[in-house]
């Protein structure tokens, strides 16, 4: 039996997917969270030096 024939078994494919799913979920979170945070912060006037906090500016920023 070759390696290709073993991959035809549906249970092997399900196992491979279950083992890879956590890595894909973690990768998606690592990519999606900063992009979402970037979009969220773009609607506020943020000062890194402190101040009175973030002020909502909408699409003016």
PDB file of N, CA and C in Angstrom:
ATOM      1  N   UNK A   1       0.845  -1.170   0.000  1.00  0.00           N
ATOM      2  CA  UNK A   1       0.000   0.000   0.000  1.00  0.00           C
ATOM      3  C   UNK A   1       0.896   1.241   0.000  1.00  0.00           C
ATOM      4  N   UNK A   2       0.657   2.132  -0.924  1.00  0.00           N
ATOM      5  CA  UNK A   2       1.471   3.338  -1.015  1.00  0.00           C
ATOM      6  C   UNK A   2       0.930   4.419  -0.082  1.00  0.00           C
ATOM      7  N   UNK A   3       1.692   5.467   0.066  1.00  0.00           N
ATOM      8  CA  UNK A   3       1.269   6.580   0.931  1.00  0.00           C
ATOM      9  C   UNK A   3       0.033   7.255   0.353  1.00  0.00           C
ATOM     10  N   UNK A   4      -0.057   7.315  -0.956  1.00  0.00           N
ATOM     11  CA  UNK A   4      -1.224   7.922  -1.599  1.00  0.00           C
ATOM     12  C   UNK A   4      -2.485   7.116  -1.319  1.00  0.00           C
ATOM     13  N   UNK A   5      -2.371   5.808  -1.344  1.00  0.00           N
ATOM     14  CA  UNK A   5      -3.530   4.956  -1.058  1.00  0.00           C
ATOM     15  C   UNK A   5      -4.000   5.116   0.390  1.00  0.00           C
ATOM     16  N   UNK A   6      -3.074   5.328   1.299  1.00  0.00           N
ATOM     17  CA  UNK A   6      -3.454   5.505   2.701  1.00  0.00           C
ATOM     18  C   UNK A   6      -4.192   6.820   2.919  1.00  0.00           C
ATOM     19  N   UNK A   7      -3.899   7.834   2.142  1.00  0.00           N
ATOM     20  CA  UNK A   7      -4.578   9.122   2.299  1.00  0.00           C
ATOM     21  C   UNK A   7      -5.993   9.107   1.742  1.00  0.00           C
ATOM     22  N   UNK A   8      -6.336   8.075   0.999  1.00  0.00           N
ATOM     23  CA  UNK A   8      -7.690   7.978   0.466  1.00  0.00           C
ATOM     24  C   UNK A   8      -8.702   7.598   1.539  1.00  0.00           C
ATOM     25  N   UNK A   9      -8.238   7.062   2.644  1.00  0.00           N
ATOM     26  CA  UNK A   9      -9.123   6.667   3.736  1.00  0.00           C
ATOM     27  C   UNK A   9      -9.694   7.925   4.394  1.00  0.00           C
ATOM     28  N   UNK A  10     -11.026   8.062   4.459  1.00  0.00           N
ATOM     29  CA  UNK A  10     -11.637   9.275   5.029  1.00  0.00           C
ATOM     30  C   UNK A  10     -11.260   9.527   6.482  1.00  0.00           C
ATOM     31  N   UNK A  11     -11.034   8.488   7.248  1.00  0.00           N
ATOM     32  CA  UNK A  11     -10.681   8.704   8.655  1.00  0.00           C
ATOM     33  C   UNK A  11      -9.303   9.341   8.788  1.00  0.00           C
ATOM     34  N   UNK A  12      -8.400   9.036   7.865  1.00  0.00           N
ATOM     35  CA  UNK A  12      -7.082   9.668   7.885  1.00  0.00           C
ATOM     36  C   UNK A  12      -7.186  11.151   7.559  1.00  0.00           C
ATOM     37  N   UNK A  13      -8.058  11.490   6.625  1.00  0.00           N
ATOM     38  CA  UNK A  13      -8.242  12.895   6.275  1.00  0.00           C
ATOM     39  C   UNK A  13      -8.861  13.662   7.435  1.00  0.00           C
ATOM     40  N   UNK A  14      -9.796  13.036   8.124  1.00  0.00           N
ATOM     41  CA  UNK A  14     -10.421  13.690   9.275  1.00  0.00           C
ATOM     42  C   UNK A  14      -9.400  13.896  10.387  1.00  0.00           C
ATOM     43  N   UNK A  15      -8.567  12.920  10.612  1.00  0.00           N
ATOM     44  CA  UNK A  15      -7.530  13.043  11.633  1.00  0.00           C
ATOM     45  C   UNK A  15      -6.553  14.162  11.274  1.00  0.00           C
ATOM     46  N   UNK A  16      -6.153  14.215  10.024  1.00  0.00           N
ATOM     47  CA  UNK A  16      -5.240  15.271   9.588  1.00  0.00           C
ATOM     48  C   UNK A  16      -5.877  16.642   9.782  1.00  0.00           C
ATOM     49  N   UNK A  17      -7.151  16.766   9.454  1.00  0.00           N
ATOM     50  CA  UNK A  17      -7.842  18.044   9.633  1.00  0.00           C
ATOM     51  C   UNK A  17      -7.924  18.414  11.110  1.00  0.00           C
ATOM     52  N   UNK A  18      -8.229  17.449  11.958  1.00  0.00           N
ATOM     53  CA  UNK A  18      -8.339  17.727  13.394  1.00  0.00           C
ATOM     54  C   UNK A  18      -6.992  18.130  13.992  1.00  0.00           C
ATOM     55  N   UNK A  19      -5.921  17.589  13.482  1.00  0.00           N
ATOM     56  CA  UNK A  19      -4.604  17.946  13.993  1.00  0.00           C
ATOM     57  C   UNK A  19      -4.142  19.311  13.488  1.00  0.00           C
ATOM     58  N   UNK A  20      -4.567  19.686  12.291  1.00  0.00           N
ATOM     59  CA  UNK A  20      -4.166  20.972  11.724  1.00  0.00           C
ATOM     60  C   UNK A  20      -5.088  22.118  12.119  1.00  0.00           C
ATOM     61  N   UNK A  21      -6.306  21.826  12.522  1.00  0.00           N
ATOM     62  CA  UNK A  21      -7.289  22.866  12.833  1.00  0.00           C
ATOM     63  C   UNK A  21      -6.813  23.827  13.925  1.00  0.00           C
ATOM     64  N   UNK A  22      -6.254  23.371  15.042  1.00  0.00           N
ATOM     65  CA  UNK A  22      -5.797  24.340  16.052  1.00  0.00           C
ATOM     66  C   UNK A  22      -4.730  25.300  15.524  1.00  0.00           C
ATOM     67  N   UNK A  23      -3.851  24.812  14.685  1.00  0.00           N
ATOM     68  CA  UNK A  23      -2.817  25.680  14.123  1.00  0.00           C
ATOM     69  C   UNK A  23      -3.435  26.730  13.210  1.00  0.00           C
ATOM     70  N   UNK A  24      -4.411  26.333  12.401  1.00  0.00           N
ATOM     71  CA  UNK A  24      -5.070  27.297  11.518  1.00  0.00           C
ATOM     72  C   UNK A  24      -5.881  28.314  12.310  1.00  0.00           C
ATOM     73  N   UNK A  25      -6.518  27.879  13.387  1.00  0.00           N
ATOM     74  CA  UNK A  25      -7.290  28.803  14.225  1.00  0.00           C
ATOM     75  C   UNK A  25      -6.355  29.812  14.889  1.00  0.00           C
ATOM     76  N   UNK A  26      -5.252  29.338  15.421  1.00  0.00           N
ATOM     77  CA  UNK A  26      -4.283  30.233  16.050  1.00  0.00           C
ATOM     78  C   UNK A  26      -3.706  31.214  15.037  1.00  0.00           C
ATOM     79  N   UNK A  27      -3.377  30.737  13.864  1.00  0.00           N
ATOM     80  CA  UNK A  27      -2.860  31.608  12.819  1.00  0.00           C
ATOM     81  C   UNK A  27      -3.886  32.660  12.422  1.00  0.00           C
ATOM     82  N   UNK A  28      -5.142  32.264  12.304  1.00  0.00           N
ATOM     83  CA  UNK A  28      -6.198  33.214  11.957  1.00  0.00           C
ATOM     84  C   UNK A  28      -6.341  34.279  13.032  1.00  0.00           C
ATOM     85  N   UNK A  29      -6.268  33.886  14.305  1.00  0.00           N
ATOM     86  CA  UNK A  29      -6.370  34.867  15.387  1.00  0.00           C
ATOM     87  C   UNK A  29      -5.184  35.827  15.387  1.00  0.00           C
ATOM     88  N   UNK A  30      -4.013  35.310  15.115  1.00  0.00           N
ATOM     89  CA  UNK A  30      -2.819  36.155  15.093  1.00  0.00           C
ATOM     90  C   UNK A  30      -2.901  37.167  13.957  1.00  0.00           C
ATOM     91  N   UNK A  31      -3.543  36.817  12.866  1.00  0.00           N
ATOM     92  CA  UNK A  31      -3.667  37.725  11.726  1.00  0.00           C
ATOM     93  C   UNK A  31      -4.878  38.634  11.873  1.00  0.00           C
ATOM     94  N   UNK A  32      -6.021  38.096  12.293  1.00  0.00           N
ATOM     95  CA  UNK A  32      -7.276  38.850  12.306  1.00  0.00           C
ATOM     96  C   UNK A  32      -7.315  39.869  13.444  1.00  0.00           C
ATOM     97  N   UNK A  33      -6.828  39.530  14.627  1.00  0.00           N
ATOM     98  CA  UNK A  33      -6.914  40.448  15.764  1.00  0.00           C
ATOM     99  C   UNK A  33      -6.197  41.775  15.495  1.00  0.00           C
ATOM    100  N   UNK A  34      -4.951  41.786  15.038  1.00  0.00           N
ATOM    101  CA  UNK A  34      -4.303  43.079  14.782  1.00  0.00           C
ATOM    102  C   UNK A  34      -5.000  43.896  13.692  1.00  0.00           C
ATOM    103  N   UNK A  35      -5.525  43.235  12.689  1.00  0.00           N
ATOM    104  CA  UNK A  35      -6.232  43.966  11.632  1.00  0.00           C
ATOM    105  C   UNK A  35      -7.514  44.571  12.184  1.00  0.00           C
ATOM    106  N   UNK A  36      -8.246  43.809  12.983  1.00  0.00           N
ATOM    107  CA  UNK A  36      -9.461  44.332  13.606  1.00  0.00           C
ATOM    108  C   UNK A  36      -9.155  45.477  14.555  1.00  0.00           C
ATOM    109  N   UNK A  37      -8.082  45.342  15.323  1.00  0.00           N
ATOM    110  CA  UNK A  37      -7.680  46.406  16.252  1.00  0.00           C
ATOM    111  C   UNK A  37      -7.271  47.660  15.490  1.00  0.00           C
ATOM    112  N   UNK A  38      -6.603  47.495  14.369  1.00  0.00           N
ATOM    113  CA  UNK A  38      -6.200  48.620  13.532  1.00  0.00           C
ATOM    114  C   UNK A  38      -7.415  49.378  13.015  1.00  0.00           C
ATOM    115  N   UNK A  39      -8.405  48.646  12.544  1.00  0.00           N
ATOM    116  CA  UNK A  39      -9.627  49.280  12.040  1.00  0.00           C
ATOM    117  C   UNK A  39     -10.355  49.990  13.175  1.00  0.00           C
ATOM    118  N   UNK A  40     -10.465  49.344  14.338  1.00  0.00           N
ATOM    119  CA  UNK A  40     -11.137  49.954  15.495  1.00  0.00           C
ATOM    120  C   UNK A  40     -10.422  51.244  15.922  1.00  0.00           C
ATOM    121  N   UNK A  41      -9.096  51.198  16.023  1.00  0.00           N
ATOM    122  CA  UNK A  41      -8.337  52.367  16.463  1.00  0.00           C
ATOM    123  C   UNK A  41      -8.368  53.498  15.449  1.00  0.00           C
ATOM    124  N   UNK A  42      -8.616  53.195  14.195  1.00  0.00           N
ATOM    125  CA  UNK A  42      -8.642  54.243  13.181  1.00  0.00           C
ATOM    126  C   UNK A  42      -9.832  55.176  13.347  1.00  0.00           C
ATOM    127  N   UNK A  43     -10.828  54.788  14.126  1.00  0.00           N
ATOM    128  CA  UNK A  43     -11.985  55.642  14.377  1.00  0.00           C
ATOM    129  C   UNK A  43     -11.807  56.525  15.614  1.00  0.00           C
ATOM    130  N   UNK A  44     -10.661  56.451  16.270  1.00  0.00           N
ATOM    131  CA  UNK A  44     -10.420  57.222  17.485  1.00  0.00           C
ATOM    132  C   UNK A  44      -9.143  58.035  17.353  1.00  0.00           C
ATOM    133  N   UNK A  45      -9.108  59.180  18.063  1.00  0.00           N
ATOM    134  CA  UNK A  45      -7.904  60.000  18.137  1.00  0.00           C
ATOM    135  C   UNK A  45      -7.143  59.557  19.379  1.00  0.00           C
ATOM    136  N   UNK A  46      -6.177  58.691  19.201  1.00  0.00           N
ATOM    137  CA  UNK A  46      -5.431  58.117  20.321  1.00  0.00           C
ATOM    138  C   UNK A  46      -4.120  58.859  20.515  1.00  0.00           C
ATOM    139  N   UNK A  47      -3.795  59.143  21.758  1.00  0.00           N
ATOM    140  CA  UNK A  47      -2.519  59.764  22.110  1.00  0.00           C
ATOM    141  C   UNK A  47      -1.721  58.770  22.950  1.00  0.00           C
ATOM    142  N   UNK A  48      -0.537  58.443  22.508  1.00  0.00           N
ATOM    143  CA  UNK A  48       0.294  57.497  23.243  1.00  0.00           C
ATOM    144  C   UNK A  48       0.928  58.137  24.469  1.00  0.00           C
ATOM    145  N   UNK A  49       0.987  59.465  24.506  1.00  0.00           N
ATOM    146  CA  UNK A  49       1.624  60.159  25.626  1.00  0.00           C
ATOM    147  C   UNK A  49       0.671  60.404  26.785  1.00  0.00           C
ATOM    148  N   UNK A  50      -0.469  59.779  26.765  1.00  0.00           N
ATOM    149  CA  UNK A  50      -1.437  59.969  27.849  1.00  0.00           C
ATOM    150  C   UNK A  50      -2.530  60.923  27.405  1.00  0.00           C
ATOM    151  N   UNK A  51      -3.020  61.688  28.321  1.00  0.00           N
ATOM    152  CA  UNK A  51      -4.056  62.645  27.981  1.00  0.00           C
ATOM    153  C   UNK A  51      -5.399  62.198  28.504  1.00  0.00           C
ATOM    154  N   UNK A  52      -6.432  62.738  27.910  1.00  0.00           N
ATOM    155  CA  UNK A  52      -7.788  62.502  28.418  1.00  0.00           C
ATOM    156  C   UNK A  52      -8.423  61.244  27.848  1.00  0.00           C
ATOM    157  N   UNK A  53      -7.685  60.428  27.193  1.00  0.00           N
ATOM    158  CA  UNK A  53      -8.246  59.200  26.638  1.00  0.00           C
ATOM    159  C   UNK A  53      -8.544  59.339  25.158  1.00  0.00           C
ATOM    160  N   UNK A  54      -9.158  58.342  24.635  1.00  0.00           N
ATOM    161  CA  UNK A  54      -9.447  58.302  23.207  1.00  0.00           C
ATOM    162  C   UNK A  54     -10.739  59.052  22.919  1.00  0.00           C
ATOM    163  N   UNK A  55     -10.694  59.864  21.896  1.00  0.00           N
ATOM    164  CA  UNK A  55     -11.873  60.612  21.479  1.00  0.00           C
ATOM    165  C   UNK A  55     -12.321  60.068  20.124  1.00  0.00           C
ATOM    166  N   UNK A  56     -13.619  59.777  20.012  1.00  0.00           N
ATOM    167  CA  UNK A  56     -14.155  59.239  18.768  1.00  0.00           C
ATOM    168  C   UNK A  56     -14.155  60.330  17.710  1.00  0.00           C
ATOM    169  N   UNK A  57     -13.566  60.045  16.550  1.00  0.00           N
ATOM    170  CA  UNK A  57     -13.526  61.018  15.462  1.00  0.00           C
ATOM    171  C   UNK A  57     -14.211  60.491  14.206  1.00  0.00           C
ATOM    172  N   UNK A  58     -14.627  59.258  14.211  1.00  0.00           N
ATOM    173  CA  UNK A  58     -15.322  58.696  13.052  1.00  0.00           C
ATOM    174  C   UNK A  58     -14.401  58.570  11.856  1.00  0.00           C
ATOM    175  N   UNK A  59     -14.909  58.992  10.703  1.00  0.00           N
ATOM    176  CA  UNK A  59     -14.113  58.842   9.479  1.00  0.00           C
ATOM    177  C   UNK A  59     -13.242  60.060   9.191  1.00  0.00           C
ATOM    178  N   UNK A  60     -13.157  61.006  10.134  1.00  0.00           N
ATOM    179  CA  UNK A  60     -12.281  62.166   9.950  1.00  0.00           C
ATOM    180  C   UNK A  60     -10.809  61.791  10.032  1.00  0.00           C
ATOM    181  N   UNK A  61     -10.509  60.721  10.698  1.00  0.00           N
ATOM    182  CA  UNK A  61      -9.117  60.358  10.930  1.00  0.00           C
ATOM    183  C   UNK A  61      -8.490  59.832   9.664  1.00  0.00           C
TER     184      UNK A  61
END
